[in-house]
Amino acid sequence: MNVALWTAAGLLAVVALTGGISKTCVPRERLAAAHGGGWTGDAGDGFVKSLGVLELLAAAGLVLPAVTGVAPVLVPITAVCWTLLMIGAMITHGRRGERAFVVLNLAYLVLALVVAVGRFGPGSF
């Protein structure tokens, strides 16, 4: 169980890190032209950058507290926050008719729920 939770948290951290770097470093116009990034054309620069920072924090919060042993309860809390972020992403992509991204965000949401439930419950640190 522990290995599965670490794997799930690590996968989510990679997804969050990738998304966070792209949203904070890539110009919004380039993001808007990318597949699945059209929503950024309707959002302000500050909003997109803020989401990027939140994703970078999520990447750190899914792994670092457990690795360092400092406040490991932050791992499941971060997973719950990631779940909320994915609900927002699903709503955004759903409104734009991007069904494939809704399904992808749903998969990330389920993975985050597994981490949250596992780390709050039987697989806690």
Protein backbone atom coordinates (compact mmCIF):
# COMPACT_ATOMS: atom_id res chain seq x y z
CA MET A 1 0.00 0.00 0.00
CA ASN A 2 2.80 2.39 0.90
CA VAL A 3 4.53 1.89 -2.47
CA ALA A 4 1.27 2.49 -4.34
CA LEU A 5 0.64 5.71 -2.41
CA TRP A 6 4.19 6.93 -3.03
CA THR A 7 3.82 6.12 -6.74
CA ALA A 8 0.49 7.94 -6.99
CA ALA A 9 1.83 10.98 -5.12
CA GLY A 10 4.96 11.01 -7.26
CA LEU A 11 2.97 10.82 -10.48
CA LEU A 12 0.72 13.66 -9.36
CA ALA A 13 3.78 15.68 -8.35
CA VAL A 14 5.27 15.27 -11.84
CA VAL A 15 1.96 16.36 -13.41
CA ALA A 16 1.76 19.37 -11.07
CA LEU A 17 5.39 20.30 -11.67
CA THR A 18 4.99 20.12 -15.44
CA GLY A 19 1.81 22.18 -15.40
CA GLY A 20 3.23 24.66 -12.93
CA ILE A 21 6.39 25.26 -14.90
CA SER A 22 4.49 25.73 -18.15
CA LYS A 23 1.97 28.15 -16.61
CA THR A 24 4.61 30.23 -14.87
CA CYS A 25 7.29 30.25 -17.58
CA VAL A 26 5.51 29.99 -20.94
CA PRO A 27 3.80 33.13 -22.27
CA ARG A 28 0.02 32.97 -22.06
CA GLU A 29 -0.31 33.45 -25.83
CA ARG A 30 1.77 30.30 -26.46
CA LEU A 31 -0.26 28.38 -23.89
CA ALA A 32 -3.49 29.50 -25.58
CA ALA A 33 -2.23 28.14 -28.91
CA ALA A 34 -1.36 24.74 -27.41
CA HIS A 35 -3.76 21.80 -27.44
CA GLY A 36 -5.90 22.03 -24.32
CA GLY A 37 -4.57 25.46 -23.40
CA GLY A 38 -7.23 27.49 -25.15
CA TRP A 39 -8.78 28.45 -21.84
CA THR A 40 -5.74 30.60 -21.08
CA GLY A 41 -6.74 32.93 -23.91
CA ASP A 42 -9.82 33.88 -21.89
CA ALA A 43 -7.91 34.28 -18.60
CA GLY A 44 -5.63 37.02 -17.40
CA ASP A 45 -1.88 36.65 -17.06
CA GLY A 46 -2.07 36.93 -13.28
CA PHE A 47 -4.66 34.17 -13.02
CA VAL A 48 -2.65 31.77 -15.20
CA LYS A 49 0.58 32.53 -13.32
CA SER A 50 -1.22 32.08 -9.98
CA LEU A 51 -2.47 28.66 -11.04
CA GLY A 52 1.08 27.80 -12.07
CA VAL A 53 2.42 28.77 -8.65
CA LEU A 54 -0.33 26.71 -6.97
CA GLU A 55 0.67 23.72 -9.09
CA LEU A 56 4.33 24.17 -8.16
CA LEU A 57 3.36 24.28 -4.49
CA ALA A 58 1.23 21.17 -4.98
CA ALA A 59 4.17 19.34 -6.54
CA ALA A 60 6.27 20.16 -3.48
CA GLY A 61 3.45 19.42 -1.02
CA LEU A 62 2.77 15.98 -2.43
CA VAL A 63 6.31 14.75 -1.84
CA LEU A 64 8.57 16.96 0.28
CA PRO A 65 6.74 16.74 3.64
CA ALA A 66 6.95 12.94 3.55
CA VAL A 67 10.55 12.87 2.33
CA THR A 68 11.77 15.31 4.97
CA GLY A 69 9.51 14.05 7.74
CA VAL A 70 8.46 17.65 8.45
CA ALA A 71 4.66 17.92 8.76
CA PRO A 72 3.84 14.84 6.66
CA VAL A 73 0.14 15.53 7.21
CA LEU A 74 0.56 18.12 4.44
CA VAL A 75 0.68 15.32 1.85
CA PRO A 76 -3.00 14.31 2.15
CA ILE A 77 -4.02 17.94 2.66
CA THR A 78 -2.26 18.81 -0.60
CA ALA A 79 -3.99 15.88 -2.29
CA VAL A 80 -7.38 17.25 -1.19
CA CYS A 81 -6.42 20.68 -2.54
CA TRP A 82 -5.35 19.07 -5.82
CA THR A 83 -8.78 17.41 -5.97
CA LEU A 84 -10.43 20.82 -5.72
CA LEU A 85 -8.15 22.19 -8.43
CA MET A 86 -9.08 19.29 -10.71
CA ILE A 87 -12.79 19.96 -10.16
CA GLY A 88 -12.19 23.49 -11.41
CA ALA A 89 -10.19 22.18 -14.37
CA MET A 90 -12.97 19.72 -15.24
CA ILE A 91 -15.57 22.51 -15.16
CA THR A 92 -13.39 24.75 -17.33
CA HIS A 93 -12.65 22.08 -19.93
CA GLY A 94 -16.24 20.86 -19.82
CA ARG A 95 -17.55 24.33 -20.65
CA ARG A 96 -15.18 24.43 -23.61
CA GLY A 97 -16.32 21.00 -24.84
CA GLU A 98 -12.88 19.46 -24.29
CA ARG A 99 -14.11 16.05 -23.21
CA ALA A 100 -10.71 14.33 -23.34
CA PHE A 101 -9.28 16.83 -20.85
CA VAL A 102 -12.26 16.38 -18.55
CA VAL A 103 -11.53 12.65 -18.47
CA LEU A 104 -7.81 13.28 -17.89
CA ASN A 105 -8.57 15.67 -15.02
CA LEU A 106 -10.98 13.11 -13.59
CA ALA A 107 -8.17 10.53 -13.59
CA TYR A 108 -5.91 12.98 -11.72
CA LEU A 109 -8.76 13.70 -9.30
CA VAL A 110 -9.25 9.99 -8.54
CA LEU A 111 -5.51 9.53 -8.05
CA ALA A 112 -5.44 12.48 -5.64
CA LEU A 113 -8.39 11.05 -3.70
CA VAL A 114 -6.55 7.73 -3.40
CA VAL A 115 -3.54 9.57 -1.96
CA ALA A 116 -5.70 11.65 0.39
CA VAL A 117 -7.72 8.71 1.71
CA GLY A 118 -4.67 6.46 1.92
CA ARG A 119 -2.49 8.99 3.74
CA PHE A 120 -5.25 10.16 6.08
CA GLY A 121 -6.18 6.54 6.81
CA PRO A 122 -4.38 3.20 6.63
CA GLY A 123 -1.23 4.43 4.92
CA SER A 124 -0.61 7.48 7.11
CA PHE A 125 2.94 8.42 8.03
